[in-house]
């Protein structure tokens, strides 16, 4: 059995005139990443390999999850090839994972993540949102031959905000 957790980077900021790869997280992105990271510990396997895109927003998201989930930062493998929006490239990278690892956590980008989930998952997800967490399992012992898998769990910030509203600020609500 192979288990894959895909996490889309948190919401990034467009405030500074930076190249796409260097964009940092926005305040909302930081908050959403913490919100999701604090809710997913029960969905993680005991051991896992962690890969992340080398884009700043993916790295920052990985750091937030690492902090919340007590993952040593040194265990995160940053890979320039994961800075992709193409599903076939993402698929090729995932299928290259060493079979000695049964569990892979990957921080990456859309549209690659949403398209991967919809091609390889058993349910359709219109859009994996920023900070979105999707856990999938594949009934195989070989990453290179993964096909249709099962989506075991999703955790999206908007769902968590429904149940955990921000505190009332004292401002009138109209």
N, C-alpha and C. Protein backbone atom coordinates (compact mmCIF):
# COMPACT_ATOMS: atom_id res chain seq x y z
N UNK A 1 0.85 -1.18 0.00
CA UNK A 1 0.00 0.00 0.00
C UNK A 1 0.90 1.24 0.00
N UNK A 2 0.60 2.17 -0.90
CA UNK A 2 1.29 3.45 -0.96
C UNK A 2 0.30 4.54 -0.58
N UNK A 3 0.76 5.47 0.24
CA UNK A 3 -0.07 6.57 0.71
C UNK A 3 0.57 7.90 0.32
N UNK A 4 -0.24 8.77 -0.24
CA UNK A 4 0.22 10.06 -0.73
C UNK A 4 -0.62 11.16 -0.10
N UNK A 5 0.05 12.15 0.46
CA UNK A 5 -0.63 13.34 0.96
C UNK A 5 -0.16 14.51 0.12
N UNK A 6 -1.10 15.14 -0.55
CA UNK A 6 -0.81 16.33 -1.36
C UNK A 6 -1.31 17.55 -0.61
N UNK A 7 -0.44 18.55 -0.47
CA UNK A 7 -0.81 19.79 0.20
C UNK A 7 -0.48 20.94 -0.75
N UNK A 8 -1.50 21.67 -1.12
CA UNK A 8 -1.27 22.83 -1.97
C UNK A 8 -0.73 23.96 -1.11
N UNK A 9 0.26 24.67 -1.61
CA UNK A 9 0.83 25.78 -0.85
C UNK A 9 -0.26 26.73 -0.41
N UNK A 10 0.01 27.43 0.68
CA UNK A 10 -0.94 28.40 1.20
C UNK A 10 -1.02 29.62 0.29
N UNK A 11 -2.02 30.44 0.52
CA UNK A 11 -2.26 31.65 -0.28
C UNK A 11 -1.02 32.55 -0.25
N UNK A 12 -0.62 32.96 -1.43
CA UNK A 12 0.58 33.79 -1.53
C UNK A 12 0.22 35.26 -1.70
N UNK A 13 1.22 36.09 -1.48
CA UNK A 13 1.05 37.53 -1.58
C UNK A 13 1.52 38.01 -2.95
N UNK A 14 0.79 38.96 -3.48
CA UNK A 14 1.17 39.61 -4.74
C UNK A 14 1.62 41.05 -4.49
N UNK A 15 1.86 41.40 -3.22
CA UNK A 15 2.16 42.79 -2.85
C UNK A 15 3.51 43.29 -3.35
N UNK A 16 4.50 42.42 -3.38
CA UNK A 16 5.85 42.85 -3.80
C UNK A 16 6.10 42.48 -5.25
N UNK A 17 6.88 43.27 -5.95
CA UNK A 17 7.17 42.97 -7.36
C UNK A 17 8.27 41.89 -7.48
N UNK A 18 7.87 40.65 -7.23
CA UNK A 18 8.81 39.53 -7.24
C UNK A 18 8.48 38.58 -8.38
N UNK A 19 9.45 37.77 -8.78
CA UNK A 19 9.13 36.71 -9.74
C UNK A 19 8.25 35.69 -9.03
N UNK A 20 7.47 34.95 -9.79
CA UNK A 20 6.48 34.04 -9.24
C UNK A 20 7.08 33.10 -8.19
N UNK A 21 8.21 32.55 -8.46
CA UNK A 21 8.82 31.55 -7.57
C UNK A 21 9.19 32.13 -6.21
N UNK A 22 9.37 33.44 -6.13
CA UNK A 22 9.81 34.07 -4.89
C UNK A 22 8.69 34.68 -4.05
N UNK A 23 7.45 34.55 -4.50
CA UNK A 23 6.35 35.18 -3.76
C UNK A 23 6.17 34.53 -2.39
N UNK A 24 6.06 35.34 -1.32
CA UNK A 24 5.86 34.79 0.03
C UNK A 24 4.38 34.53 0.30
N UNK A 25 4.09 34.01 1.47
CA UNK A 25 2.71 33.79 1.87
C UNK A 25 2.07 35.11 2.31
N UNK A 26 0.77 35.21 2.07
CA UNK A 26 0.00 36.34 2.58
C UNK A 26 -0.37 36.04 4.04
N UNK A 27 -0.87 37.04 4.72
CA UNK A 27 -1.32 36.84 6.12
C UNK A 27 -2.40 35.75 6.17
N UNK A 28 -3.35 35.81 5.24
CA UNK A 28 -4.39 34.78 5.20
C UNK A 28 -3.78 33.41 4.96
N UNK A 29 -2.78 33.34 4.07
CA UNK A 29 -2.12 32.09 3.79
C UNK A 29 -1.46 31.50 5.02
N UNK A 30 -0.78 32.34 5.76
CA UNK A 30 -0.12 31.88 7.00
C UNK A 30 -1.17 31.35 7.98
N UNK A 31 -2.25 32.11 8.15
CA UNK A 31 -3.31 31.68 9.07
C UNK A 31 -3.96 30.38 8.62
N UNK A 32 -4.26 30.26 7.33
CA UNK A 32 -4.89 29.04 6.81
C UNK A 32 -3.97 27.83 6.94
N UNK A 33 -2.68 28.02 6.67
CA UNK A 33 -1.73 26.91 6.78
C UNK A 33 -1.68 26.41 8.23
N UNK A 34 -1.65 27.33 9.19
CA UNK A 34 -1.67 26.92 10.60
C UNK A 34 -2.97 26.21 10.94
N UNK A 35 -4.08 26.73 10.45
CA UNK A 35 -5.39 26.15 10.73
C UNK A 35 -5.46 24.69 10.25
N UNK A 36 -5.04 24.45 9.01
CA UNK A 36 -5.08 23.09 8.46
C UNK A 36 -4.05 22.20 9.15
N UNK A 37 -2.84 22.70 9.32
CA UNK A 37 -1.78 21.90 9.94
C UNK A 37 -2.18 21.42 11.34
N UNK A 38 -2.90 22.26 12.05
CA UNK A 38 -3.32 21.89 13.41
C UNK A 38 -4.43 20.85 13.42
N UNK A 39 -5.05 20.59 12.28
CA UNK A 39 -6.17 19.64 12.22
C UNK A 39 -5.81 18.29 11.61
N UNK A 40 -4.61 18.14 11.04
CA UNK A 40 -4.35 16.94 10.24
C UNK A 40 -3.45 15.89 10.91
N UNK A 41 -2.99 16.14 12.11
CA UNK A 41 -2.03 15.20 12.71
C UNK A 41 -2.58 13.77 12.77
N UNK A 42 -3.86 13.62 13.00
CA UNK A 42 -4.45 12.29 13.08
C UNK A 42 -4.52 11.56 11.75
N UNK A 43 -4.28 12.26 10.67
CA UNK A 43 -4.35 11.66 9.33
C UNK A 43 -2.97 11.30 8.78
N UNK A 44 -1.92 11.56 9.56
CA UNK A 44 -0.57 11.29 9.08
C UNK A 44 -0.13 9.88 9.47
N UNK A 45 0.59 9.22 8.58
CA UNK A 45 1.17 7.93 8.94
C UNK A 45 2.30 8.15 9.94
N UNK A 46 2.75 7.06 10.57
CA UNK A 46 3.81 7.16 11.57
C UNK A 46 5.14 7.60 10.96
N UNK A 47 5.44 7.09 9.77
CA UNK A 47 6.68 7.47 9.08
C UNK A 47 6.33 7.95 7.68
N UNK A 48 7.13 8.88 7.18
CA UNK A 48 6.84 9.43 5.85
C UNK A 48 8.04 10.17 5.33
N UNK A 49 8.03 10.35 4.03
CA UNK A 49 9.00 11.15 3.31
C UNK A 49 8.31 12.47 2.98
N UNK A 50 9.02 13.60 3.07
CA UNK A 50 8.42 14.90 2.79
C UNK A 50 9.17 15.58 1.65
N UNK A 51 8.43 15.91 0.61
CA UNK A 51 8.97 16.64 -0.54
C UNK A 51 8.23 17.97 -0.66
N UNK A 52 8.94 18.98 -1.13
CA UNK A 52 8.31 20.28 -1.37
C UNK A 52 8.91 20.94 -2.60
N UNK A 53 8.07 21.68 -3.28
CA UNK A 53 8.53 22.57 -4.33
C UNK A 53 9.52 23.55 -3.70
N UNK A 54 10.43 24.03 -4.49
CA UNK A 54 11.40 25.01 -4.00
C UNK A 54 10.87 26.44 -4.06
N UNK A 55 9.66 26.64 -4.56
CA UNK A 55 9.07 27.99 -4.57
C UNK A 55 8.87 28.45 -3.13
N UNK A 56 9.09 29.73 -2.89
CA UNK A 56 9.04 30.28 -1.54
C UNK A 56 7.73 29.97 -0.83
N UNK A 57 6.60 30.11 -1.53
CA UNK A 57 5.30 29.88 -0.89
C UNK A 57 5.10 28.43 -0.49
N UNK A 58 5.63 27.49 -1.27
CA UNK A 58 5.54 26.07 -0.91
C UNK A 58 6.47 25.77 0.26
N UNK A 59 7.68 26.32 0.21
CA UNK A 59 8.63 26.12 1.31
C UNK A 59 8.06 26.65 2.62
N UNK A 60 7.50 27.85 2.59
CA UNK A 60 6.93 28.43 3.81
C UNK A 60 5.78 27.60 4.34
N UNK A 61 4.95 27.08 3.44
CA UNK A 61 3.85 26.21 3.85
C UNK A 61 4.40 24.95 4.50
N UNK A 62 5.41 24.35 3.89
CA UNK A 62 6.03 23.15 4.46
C UNK A 62 6.60 23.44 5.84
N UNK A 63 7.22 24.60 6.02
CA UNK A 63 7.77 24.96 7.34
C UNK A 63 6.67 25.08 8.39
N UNK A 64 5.53 25.67 8.03
CA UNK A 64 4.43 25.81 8.98
C UNK A 64 3.91 24.43 9.37
N UNK A 65 3.71 23.55 8.40
CA UNK A 65 3.24 22.20 8.71
C UNK A 65 4.27 21.45 9.55
N UNK A 66 5.54 21.61 9.21
CA UNK A 66 6.61 20.94 9.96
C UNK A 66 6.59 21.38 11.42
N UNK A 67 6.44 22.67 11.63
CA UNK A 67 6.40 23.19 13.00
C UNK A 67 5.20 22.61 13.76
N UNK A 68 4.03 22.64 13.15
CA UNK A 68 2.81 22.17 13.82
C UNK A 68 2.81 20.66 14.06
N UNK A 69 3.48 19.92 13.17
CA UNK A 69 3.43 18.46 13.23
C UNK A 69 4.73 17.84 13.74
N UNK A 70 5.62 18.68 14.25
CA UNK A 70 6.91 18.21 14.79
C UNK A 70 7.71 17.40 13.78
N UNK A 71 7.74 17.89 12.55
CA UNK A 71 8.56 17.27 11.51
C UNK A 71 9.87 18.06 11.46
N UNK A 72 11.01 17.39 11.64
CA UNK A 72 12.27 18.14 11.55
C UNK A 72 12.43 18.77 10.16
N UNK A 73 12.75 20.05 10.14
CA UNK A 73 12.88 20.77 8.87
C UNK A 73 13.94 20.13 7.98
N UNK A 74 14.96 19.56 8.59
CA UNK A 74 16.02 18.90 7.81
C UNK A 74 15.49 17.70 7.03
N UNK A 75 14.31 17.20 7.40
CA UNK A 75 13.74 16.04 6.70
C UNK A 75 12.99 16.42 5.43
N UNK A 76 12.77 17.71 5.22
CA UNK A 76 12.04 18.15 4.02
C UNK A 76 13.02 18.22 2.86
N UNK A 77 12.67 17.56 1.78
CA UNK A 77 13.50 17.58 0.57
C UNK A 77 12.87 18.57 -0.40
N UNK A 78 13.61 19.64 -0.70
CA UNK A 78 13.13 20.66 -1.62
C UNK A 78 13.62 20.32 -3.03
N UNK A 79 12.69 20.38 -3.98
CA UNK A 79 13.00 19.92 -5.34
C UNK A 79 12.48 20.96 -6.34
N UNK A 80 13.38 21.50 -7.14
CA UNK A 80 12.98 22.48 -8.17
C UNK A 80 11.96 21.90 -9.14
N UNK A 81 12.04 20.59 -9.41
CA UNK A 81 11.11 19.97 -10.36
C UNK A 81 9.66 19.99 -9.87
N UNK A 82 9.47 20.13 -8.55
CA UNK A 82 8.11 20.20 -8.02
C UNK A 82 7.48 21.58 -8.20
N UNK A 83 8.25 22.53 -8.68
CA UNK A 83 7.69 23.83 -9.05
C UNK A 83 7.09 23.64 -10.44
N UNK A 84 5.94 22.97 -10.44
CA UNK A 84 5.26 22.67 -11.70
C UNK A 84 3.77 22.82 -11.53
N UNK A 85 3.12 23.17 -12.63
CA UNK A 85 1.67 23.30 -12.67
C UNK A 85 1.10 22.22 -13.59
N UNK A 86 1.97 21.35 -14.11
CA UNK A 86 1.60 20.32 -15.07
C UNK A 86 1.43 18.97 -14.38
N UNK A 87 0.26 18.38 -14.57
CA UNK A 87 -0.06 17.12 -13.89
C UNK A 87 0.86 15.98 -14.32
N UNK A 88 1.22 15.91 -15.58
CA UNK A 88 2.07 14.79 -16.03
C UNK A 88 3.46 14.86 -15.42
N UNK A 89 3.96 16.07 -15.26
CA UNK A 89 5.28 16.23 -14.61
C UNK A 89 5.18 15.84 -13.14
N UNK A 90 4.11 16.25 -12.46
CA UNK A 90 3.90 15.88 -11.06
C UNK A 90 3.77 14.36 -10.94
N UNK A 91 3.00 13.75 -11.83
CA UNK A 91 2.84 12.31 -11.83
C UNK A 91 4.19 11.60 -11.97
N UNK A 92 5.00 12.06 -12.89
CA UNK A 92 6.31 11.44 -13.13
C UNK A 92 7.19 11.54 -11.87
N UNK A 93 7.15 12.67 -11.19
CA UNK A 93 7.95 12.84 -9.97
C UNK A 93 7.45 11.91 -8.87
N UNK A 94 6.14 11.85 -8.67
CA UNK A 94 5.58 10.97 -7.64
C UNK A 94 5.93 9.51 -7.95
N UNK A 95 5.80 9.13 -9.20
CA UNK A 95 6.10 7.74 -9.57
C UNK A 95 7.59 7.40 -9.45
N UNK A 96 8.43 8.42 -9.31
CA UNK A 96 9.87 8.18 -9.14
C UNK A 96 10.24 7.94 -7.68
N UNK A 97 9.30 8.04 -6.77
CA UNK A 97 9.59 7.86 -5.35
C UNK A 97 10.14 6.45 -5.11
N UNK A 98 11.15 6.36 -4.28
CA UNK A 98 11.76 5.08 -3.93
C UNK A 98 10.74 4.21 -3.20
N UNK A 99 10.61 2.96 -3.62
CA UNK A 99 9.61 2.07 -3.05
C UNK A 99 9.87 1.69 -1.60
N UNK A 100 11.04 2.03 -1.07
CA UNK A 100 11.26 1.74 0.35
C UNK A 100 10.41 2.67 1.23
N UNK A 101 9.85 3.74 0.62
CA UNK A 101 8.95 4.65 1.33
C UNK A 101 7.51 4.35 0.94
N UNK A 102 6.69 4.07 1.94
CA UNK A 102 5.27 3.79 1.67
C UNK A 102 4.42 5.05 1.76
N UNK A 103 4.95 6.09 2.40
CA UNK A 103 4.16 7.28 2.68
C UNK A 103 4.92 8.53 2.24
N UNK A 104 4.29 9.32 1.37
CA UNK A 104 4.90 10.52 0.84
C UNK A 104 3.97 11.71 1.09
N UNK A 105 4.54 12.78 1.65
CA UNK A 105 3.83 14.05 1.81
C UNK A 105 4.48 15.02 0.83
N UNK A 106 3.67 15.68 0.02
CA UNK A 106 4.20 16.54 -1.03
C UNK A 106 3.51 17.90 -0.99
N UNK A 107 4.32 18.97 -0.94
CA UNK A 107 3.83 20.35 -0.98
C UNK A 107 4.06 20.88 -2.39
N UNK A 108 2.98 21.28 -3.06
CA UNK A 108 3.12 21.70 -4.44
C UNK A 108 2.11 22.75 -4.85
N UNK A 109 1.81 22.74 -6.15
CA UNK A 109 1.07 23.83 -6.79
C UNK A 109 -0.14 23.31 -7.57
N UNK A 110 -1.07 24.23 -7.79
CA UNK A 110 -2.17 23.97 -8.69
C UNK A 110 -1.74 24.43 -10.07
N UNK A 111 -2.23 23.95 -11.07
CA UNK A 111 -3.30 23.03 -11.36
C UNK A 111 -2.85 21.58 -11.24
N UNK A 112 -1.56 21.37 -11.08
CA UNK A 112 -1.04 20.00 -11.02
C UNK A 112 -1.71 19.19 -9.92
N UNK A 113 -1.87 19.76 -8.73
CA UNK A 113 -2.44 18.99 -7.61
C UNK A 113 -3.89 18.64 -7.87
N UNK A 114 -4.72 19.61 -8.23
CA UNK A 114 -6.14 19.31 -8.48
C UNK A 114 -6.28 18.29 -9.60
N UNK A 115 -5.54 18.46 -10.68
CA UNK A 115 -5.64 17.52 -11.79
C UNK A 115 -5.17 16.13 -11.39
N UNK A 116 -4.10 16.03 -10.60
CA UNK A 116 -3.62 14.73 -10.13
C UNK A 116 -4.69 14.04 -9.29
N UNK A 117 -5.27 14.78 -8.34
CA UNK A 117 -6.31 14.22 -7.48
C UNK A 117 -7.48 13.71 -8.31
N UNK A 118 -7.85 14.44 -9.34
CA UNK A 118 -9.00 14.03 -10.15
C UNK A 118 -8.68 12.88 -11.10
N UNK A 119 -7.46 12.77 -11.54
CA UNK A 119 -7.08 11.64 -12.40
C UNK A 119 -6.89 10.37 -11.57
N UNK A 120 -6.24 10.51 -10.42
CA UNK A 120 -5.87 9.33 -9.64
C UNK A 120 -6.79 9.05 -8.46
N UNK A 121 -7.69 9.96 -8.15
CA UNK A 121 -8.60 9.76 -7.02
C UNK A 121 -9.92 9.16 -7.45
N UNK A 122 -10.72 8.80 -6.47
CA UNK A 122 -12.00 8.16 -6.74
C UNK A 122 -13.18 9.12 -6.63
N UNK A 123 -12.91 10.37 -6.31
CA UNK A 123 -13.96 11.39 -6.31
C UNK A 123 -13.42 12.63 -7.02
N UNK A 124 -14.31 13.45 -7.52
CA UNK A 124 -13.91 14.67 -8.21
C UNK A 124 -13.89 15.83 -7.22
N UNK A 125 -12.82 16.58 -7.25
CA UNK A 125 -12.70 17.79 -6.44
C UNK A 125 -12.50 18.94 -7.43
N UNK A 126 -13.44 19.88 -7.45
CA UNK A 126 -13.37 20.97 -8.41
C UNK A 126 -12.06 21.74 -8.32
N UNK A 127 -11.62 21.99 -7.10
CA UNK A 127 -10.39 22.75 -6.91
C UNK A 127 -9.84 22.45 -5.52
N UNK A 128 -8.60 21.97 -5.45
CA UNK A 128 -7.94 21.85 -4.16
C UNK A 128 -7.48 23.27 -3.81
N UNK A 129 -8.05 23.85 -2.74
CA UNK A 129 -7.75 25.25 -2.44
C UNK A 129 -6.36 25.41 -1.84
N UNK A 130 -5.91 26.65 -1.77
CA UNK A 130 -4.64 26.92 -1.09
C UNK A 130 -4.74 26.39 0.34
N UNK A 131 -3.67 25.80 0.83
CA UNK A 131 -3.58 25.12 2.12
C UNK A 131 -4.40 23.83 2.16
N UNK A 132 -4.94 23.41 1.02
CA UNK A 132 -5.75 22.20 0.97
C UNK A 132 -4.91 20.96 1.18
N UNK A 133 -5.46 20.00 1.90
CA UNK A 133 -4.81 18.73 2.27
C UNK A 133 -5.64 17.60 1.69
N UNK A 134 -5.02 16.73 0.89
CA UNK A 134 -5.71 15.57 0.33
C UNK A 134 -4.86 14.34 0.58
N UNK A 135 -5.44 13.37 1.28
CA UNK A 135 -4.75 12.11 1.57
C UNK A 135 -5.33 11.02 0.66
N UNK A 136 -4.43 10.32 -0.04
CA UNK A 136 -4.85 9.27 -0.98
C UNK A 136 -4.10 7.98 -0.68
N UNK A 137 -4.73 6.85 -0.98
CA UNK A 137 -4.05 5.57 -0.85
C UNK A 137 -4.16 4.80 -2.16
N UNK A 138 -3.13 4.00 -2.43
CA UNK A 138 -3.06 3.21 -3.66
C UNK A 138 -2.76 1.77 -3.27
N UNK A 139 -3.51 0.86 -3.85
CA UNK A 139 -3.37 -0.56 -3.52
C UNK A 139 -2.25 -1.18 -4.35
N UNK A 140 -1.03 -0.77 -4.06
CA UNK A 140 0.15 -1.28 -4.75
C UNK A 140 1.36 -1.09 -3.85
N UNK A 141 2.41 -1.82 -4.12
CA UNK A 141 3.67 -1.64 -3.39
C UNK A 141 4.71 -0.95 -4.26
N UNK A 142 4.29 -0.42 -5.42
CA UNK A 142 5.22 0.17 -6.37
C UNK A 142 4.70 1.53 -6.81
N UNK A 143 5.40 2.59 -6.42
CA UNK A 143 4.99 3.94 -6.80
C UNK A 143 4.86 4.08 -8.32
N UNK A 144 5.71 3.41 -9.05
CA UNK A 144 5.75 3.58 -10.50
C UNK A 144 4.48 3.09 -11.20
N UNK A 145 3.69 2.26 -10.53
CA UNK A 145 2.49 1.72 -11.19
C UNK A 145 1.19 2.20 -10.54
N UNK A 146 1.26 3.27 -9.72
CA UNK A 146 0.02 3.74 -9.11
C UNK A 146 -0.98 4.09 -10.21
N UNK A 147 -2.22 3.71 -9.92
CA UNK A 147 -3.33 4.04 -10.83
C UNK A 147 -4.43 4.66 -9.98
N UNK A 148 -5.67 4.27 -10.21
CA UNK A 148 -6.76 4.83 -9.42
C UNK A 148 -6.57 4.48 -7.96
N UNK A 149 -6.64 5.51 -7.14
CA UNK A 149 -6.53 5.31 -5.70
C UNK A 149 -7.80 5.77 -5.01
N UNK A 150 -7.73 5.78 -3.71
CA UNK A 150 -8.86 6.18 -2.89
C UNK A 150 -8.51 7.46 -2.14
N UNK A 151 -9.36 8.44 -2.21
CA UNK A 151 -9.17 9.64 -1.41
C UNK A 151 -9.68 9.31 -0.01
N UNK A 152 -8.76 9.31 0.93
CA UNK A 152 -9.08 8.92 2.30
C UNK A 152 -9.58 10.09 3.13
N UNK A 153 -9.02 11.28 2.88
CA UNK A 153 -9.36 12.43 3.70
C UNK A 153 -9.04 13.72 2.96
N UNK A 154 -9.88 14.72 3.12
CA UNK A 154 -9.56 16.07 2.66
C UNK A 154 -9.76 17.01 3.83
N UNK A 155 -8.92 18.02 3.90
CA UNK A 155 -9.08 19.08 4.90
C UNK A 155 -8.81 20.39 4.17
N UNK A 156 -9.84 21.23 4.11
CA UNK A 156 -9.75 22.51 3.41
C UNK A 156 -10.04 23.63 4.40
N UNK A 157 -9.30 24.75 4.30
CA UNK A 157 -9.49 25.84 5.26
C UNK A 157 -10.93 26.33 5.36
N UNK A 158 -11.62 26.44 4.25
CA UNK A 158 -12.99 26.97 4.29
C UNK A 158 -13.90 26.09 5.14
N UNK A 159 -13.68 24.78 5.11
CA UNK A 159 -14.49 23.87 5.93
C UNK A 159 -14.20 24.09 7.41
N UNK A 160 -12.94 24.32 7.75
CA UNK A 160 -12.57 24.52 9.15
C UNK A 160 -13.09 25.84 9.67
N UNK A 161 -13.12 26.85 8.81
CA UNK A 161 -13.59 28.17 9.24
C UNK A 161 -15.08 28.17 9.53
N UNK A 162 -15.83 27.26 8.90
CA UNK A 162 -17.26 27.15 9.16
C UNK A 162 -17.51 26.77 10.62
N UNK A 163 -16.62 25.94 11.15
CA UNK A 163 -16.81 25.41 12.50
C UNK A 163 -15.99 26.15 13.54
N UNK A 164 -15.06 26.97 13.09
CA UNK A 164 -14.18 27.67 14.01
C UNK A 164 -14.12 29.14 13.58
N UNK A 165 -15.23 29.87 13.77
CA UNK A 165 -15.26 31.26 13.30
C UNK A 165 -14.27 32.11 14.08
N UNK A 166 -13.81 33.19 13.46
CA UNK A 166 -12.91 34.08 14.19
C UNK A 166 -13.63 34.70 15.38
N UNK A 167 -12.90 35.09 16.40
CA UNK A 167 -13.56 35.69 17.57
C UNK A 167 -14.22 37.02 17.20
N UNK A 168 -15.29 37.32 17.88
CA UNK A 168 -16.00 38.58 17.64
C UNK A 168 -15.13 39.74 18.11
N UNK A 169 -14.99 40.75 17.30
CA UNK A 169 -14.09 41.87 17.59
C UNK A 169 -14.79 43.01 18.32
N UNK A 170 -16.06 42.89 18.54
CA UNK A 170 -16.77 43.98 19.16
C UNK A 170 -17.37 44.94 18.15
N UNK A 171 -16.99 44.77 16.86
CA UNK A 171 -17.55 45.59 15.80
C UNK A 171 -19.00 45.15 15.57
N UNK A 172 -19.88 46.07 15.25
CA UNK A 172 -21.26 45.69 14.96
C UNK A 172 -21.32 44.80 13.70
N UNK A 173 -22.20 43.86 13.74
CA UNK A 173 -22.41 42.97 12.59
C UNK A 173 -23.72 43.38 11.92
N UNK A 174 -23.66 43.70 10.64
CA UNK A 174 -24.86 44.15 9.91
C UNK A 174 -25.34 43.08 8.98
